[in-house]
Each structure stands twice: as structure tokens, then as C-alpha cells.
Amino acid sequence: MARITYYEHDGTQHDVQVADGMTLMEGARDHNLSGIEADCGGACACSTCHVYVDAAWVDKLPAKDAMEEDMLDFAWKPDPIRSRLTCQIKVTKELEGLIVHLPERQI
């Protein structure tokens, strides 16, 4: 398990324990966090699980693949460096303390 901190757009903080092997999207969904809609259920077919990864963590995550890059084009105000889809990030113990920020809205 890893502790992941999700910040809503208004600054509300949620510290969540997410099991290894789950995605960040599943962790948010299973803890009923608002702001991650996950319309496609984690198939990387939408951008409704978009977050901004805290700058200190950007280089510690696996690289985005081409499909994630394409889907991020549809996200609300994507940042070329910090934007990620939470359905594409699998939790491992190395992600203990990861911080992500939710956008103002999902589209």
C-alpha cells in the first residue's frame, strides 16, 4: 500500500491508502473522491481522470505512452509536463507520498 495525497481544486486534501497494483484512478474511485469521474472505467479512452502531478514527482513516475499523450489533448487545461491520467499510473510502494492535484473540472 502507498499513501497518495489528492488535492481537490479548492485545496481540500485527501490522504488515501491505495493498494499496490491498483491505479490512482481506482484509489480515488474506491474512496469516493469527487473530481475524478473516470467515465471510461480506466480504459484510457477519455480524459476524465486527469490530474496534475506534483512537480517533485514528475520524474519519478513511469513515462506517458502514446495513448495517454493523445487522451491528454482532450483534458481540461493540460500541462505538458505535469498532466497525467490516473488510470495509467499503477500504485507501487515507491509511490508512497505521491501528491496529485485535481483540475478545476474534467471534460
C-alpha atoms as a PDB file:
ATOM      1  CA  MET A   1       0.000   0.000   0.000  1.00  0.00           C
ATOM      2  CA  ALA A   2       1.017   3.559  -0.599  1.00  0.00           C
ATOM      3  CA  ARG A   3      -0.336   6.789   0.824  1.00  0.00           C
ATOM      4  CA  ILE A   4      -1.422   9.055  -2.024  1.00  0.00           C
ATOM      5  CA  THR A   5      -2.487  12.660  -1.422  1.00  0.00           C
ATOM      6  CA  TYR A   6      -5.157  14.042  -3.730  1.00  0.00           C
ATOM      7  CA  TYR A   7      -5.839  17.783  -3.608  1.00  0.00           C
ATOM      8  CA  GLU A   8      -9.165  18.975  -4.966  1.00  0.00           C
ATOM      9  CA  HIS A   9      -9.161  22.204  -6.959  1.00  0.00           C
ATOM     10  CA  ASP A  10     -10.411  24.112  -3.886  1.00  0.00           C
ATOM     11  CA  GLY A  11      -7.462  22.834  -1.816  1.00  0.00           C
ATOM     12  CA  THR A  12      -9.320  20.083   0.056  1.00  0.00           C
ATOM     13  CA  GLN A  13      -6.785  17.392   0.892  1.00  0.00           C
ATOM     14  CA  HIS A  14      -7.472  13.644   0.863  1.00  0.00           C
ATOM     15  CA  ASP A  15      -4.804  11.240   2.121  1.00  0.00           C
ATOM     16  CA  VAL A  16      -5.734   7.798   0.816  1.00  0.00           C
ATOM     17  CA  GLN A  17      -4.137   4.372   1.195  1.00  0.00           C
ATOM     18  CA  VAL A  18      -4.109   2.685  -2.215  1.00  0.00           C
ATOM     19  CA  ALA A  19      -3.215  -0.975  -2.628  1.00  0.00           C
ATOM     20  CA  ASP A  20      -0.268  -1.982  -4.781  1.00  0.00           C
ATOM     21  CA  GLY A  21      -1.356  -2.877  -8.295  1.00  0.00           C
ATOM     22  CA  MET A  22      -4.374  -0.568  -8.313  1.00  0.00           C
ATOM     23  CA  THR A  23      -4.338   2.606 -10.358  1.00  0.00           C
ATOM     24  CA  LEU A  24      -4.547   6.107  -8.924  1.00  0.00           C
ATOM     25  CA  MET A  25      -7.971   6.339 -10.563  1.00  0.00           C
ATOM     26  CA  GLU A  26      -9.200   3.204  -8.786  1.00  0.00           C
ATOM     27  CA  GLY A  27      -7.889   4.535  -5.485  1.00  0.00           C
ATOM     28  CA  ALA A  28      -9.810   7.793  -5.926  1.00  0.00           C
ATOM     29  CA  ARG A  29     -12.960   5.980  -7.070  1.00  0.00           C
ATOM     30  CA  ASP A  30     -12.887   3.449  -4.229  1.00  0.00           C
ATOM     31  CA  HIS A  31     -12.595   6.269  -1.683  1.00  0.00           C
ATOM     32  CA  ASN A  32     -15.416   8.291  -3.295  1.00  0.00           C
ATOM     33  CA  LEU A  33     -13.245  11.302  -4.087  1.00  0.00           C
ATOM     34  CA  SER A  34     -15.002  13.937  -6.122  1.00  0.00           C
ATOM     35  CA  GLY A  35     -13.222  15.377  -9.133  1.00  0.00           C
ATOM     36  CA  ILE A  36     -12.138  12.159 -10.830  1.00  0.00           C
ATOM     37  CA  GLU A  37     -15.023  10.962 -12.961  1.00  0.00           C
ATOM     38  CA  ALA A  38     -13.338   8.079 -14.815  1.00  0.00           C
ATOM     39  CA  ASP A  39     -16.080   7.823 -17.432  1.00  0.00           C
ATOM     40  CA  CYS A  40     -14.303   5.099 -19.411  1.00  0.00           C
ATOM     41  CA  GLY A  41     -13.591   2.993 -16.333  1.00  0.00           C
ATOM     42  CA  GLY A  42      -9.842   3.085 -16.804  1.00  0.00           C
ATOM     43  CA  ALA A  43      -9.567   2.128 -20.471  1.00  0.00           C
ATOM     44  CA  CYS A  44      -7.592   5.271 -21.407  1.00  0.00           C
ATOM     45  CA  ALA A  45     -10.434   6.260 -23.719  1.00  0.00           C
ATOM     46  CA  CYS A  46     -11.264   9.637 -22.145  1.00  0.00           C
ATOM     47  CA  SER A  47      -9.578  12.303 -20.044  1.00  0.00           C
ATOM     48  CA  THR A  48     -11.947  12.437 -17.058  1.00  0.00           C
ATOM     49  CA  CYS A  49      -9.344  11.132 -14.606  1.00  0.00           C
ATOM     50  CA  HIS A  50      -6.847  13.881 -15.399  1.00  0.00           C
ATOM     51  CA  VAL A  51      -4.633  15.265 -12.616  1.00  0.00           C
ATOM     52  CA  TYR A  52      -1.572  17.448 -12.255  1.00  0.00           C
ATOM     53  CA  VAL A  53       1.277  15.539 -10.619  1.00  0.00           C
ATOM     54  CA  ASP A  54       3.205  17.490  -8.010  1.00  0.00           C
ATOM     55  CA  ALA A  55       6.391  18.793  -9.628  1.00  0.00           C
ATOM     56  CA  ALA A  56       8.618  16.830  -7.226  1.00  0.00           C
ATOM     57  CA  TRP A  57       7.097  13.575  -8.519  1.00  0.00           C
ATOM     58  CA  VAL A  58       7.066  14.113 -12.285  1.00  0.00           C
ATOM     59  CA  ASP A  59      10.390  12.372 -12.939  1.00  0.00           C
ATOM     60  CA  LYS A  60       9.649   9.542 -10.509  1.00  0.00           C
ATOM     61  CA  LEU A  61       6.660   8.214 -12.472  1.00  0.00           C
ATOM     62  CA  PRO A  62       6.777   5.918 -15.493  1.00  0.00           C
ATOM     63  CA  ALA A  63       6.755   7.813 -18.782  1.00  0.00           C
ATOM     64  CA  LYS A  64       3.479   8.517 -20.570  1.00  0.00           C
ATOM     65  CA  ASP A  65       2.775   6.238 -23.506  1.00  0.00           C
ATOM     66  CA  ALA A  66       1.409   7.494 -26.829  1.00  0.00           C
ATOM     67  CA  MET A  67      -2.222   6.685 -25.989  1.00  0.00           C
ATOM     68  CA  GLU A  68      -2.094   8.660 -22.735  1.00  0.00           C
ATOM     69  CA  GLU A  69      -0.450  11.583 -24.543  1.00  0.00           C
ATOM     70  CA  ASP A  70      -3.265  11.536 -27.121  1.00  0.00           C
ATOM     71  CA  MET A  71      -6.023  11.453 -24.479  1.00  0.00           C
ATOM     72  CA  LEU A  72      -4.435  14.312 -22.535  1.00  0.00           C
ATOM     73  CA  ASP A  73      -5.106  16.533 -25.563  1.00  0.00           C
ATOM     74  CA  PHE A  74      -8.773  16.359 -24.510  1.00  0.00           C
ATOM     75  CA  ALA A  75      -8.175  17.197 -20.828  1.00  0.00           C
ATOM     76  CA  TRP A  76      -9.139  20.463 -19.132  1.00  0.00           C
ATOM     77  CA  LYS A  77      -6.120  22.795 -19.391  1.00  0.00           C
ATOM     78  CA  PRO A  78      -3.449  20.113 -19.747  1.00  0.00           C
ATOM     79  CA  ASP A  79       0.065  20.879 -18.609  1.00  0.00           C
ATOM     80  CA  PRO A  80       2.657  19.323 -20.954  1.00  0.00           C
ATOM     81  CA  ILE A  81       4.831  18.216 -18.040  1.00  0.00           C
ATOM     82  CA  ARG A  82       2.570  17.654 -15.003  1.00  0.00           C
ATOM     83  CA  SER A  83      -0.663  16.329 -16.557  1.00  0.00           C
ATOM     84  CA  ARG A  84      -1.335  12.609 -16.230  1.00  0.00           C
ATOM     85  CA  LEU A  85      -4.294  10.268 -16.465  1.00  0.00           C
ATOM     86  CA  THR A  86      -4.732   8.473 -13.160  1.00  0.00           C
ATOM     87  CA  CYS A  87      -5.954   5.329 -14.920  1.00  0.00           C
ATOM     88  CA  GLN A  88      -2.455   4.904 -16.358  1.00  0.00           C
ATOM     89  CA  ILE A  89      -0.470   5.059 -13.124  1.00  0.00           C
ATOM     90  CA  LYS A  90      -0.226   1.797 -11.173  1.00  0.00           C
ATOM     91  CA  VAL A  91       0.484   2.124  -7.486  1.00  0.00           C
ATOM     92  CA  THR A  92       3.648   0.576  -6.040  1.00  0.00           C
ATOM     93  CA  LYS A  93       5.365   1.095  -2.699  1.00  0.00           C
ATOM     94  CA  GLU A  94       7.716   3.515  -4.499  1.00  0.00           C
ATOM     95  CA  LEU A  95       4.778   5.915  -4.877  1.00  0.00           C
ATOM     96  CA  GLU A  96       4.416   6.353  -1.097  1.00  0.00           C
ATOM     97  CA  GLY A  97       3.712  10.052  -0.537  1.00  0.00           C
ATOM     98  CA  LEU A  98       2.760  10.871  -4.142  1.00  0.00           C
ATOM     99  CA  ILE A  99       0.845  14.146  -4.446  1.00  0.00           C
ATOM    100  CA  VAL A 100      -1.605  14.926  -7.239  1.00  0.00           C
ATOM    101  CA  HIS A 101      -3.788  17.974  -7.829  1.00  0.00           C
ATOM    102  CA  LEU A 102      -7.193  17.731  -9.473  1.00  0.00           C
ATOM    103  CA  PRO A 103      -8.103  20.235 -12.179  1.00  0.00           C
ATOM    104  CA  GLU A 104     -10.934  22.713 -11.843  1.00  0.00           C
ATOM    105  CA  ARG A 105     -13.105  20.362 -13.896  1.00  0.00           C
ATOM    106  CA  GLN A 106     -12.982  17.278 -16.097  1.00  0.00           C
ATOM    107  CA  ILE A 107     -14.131  17.209 -19.710  1.00  0.00           C
END
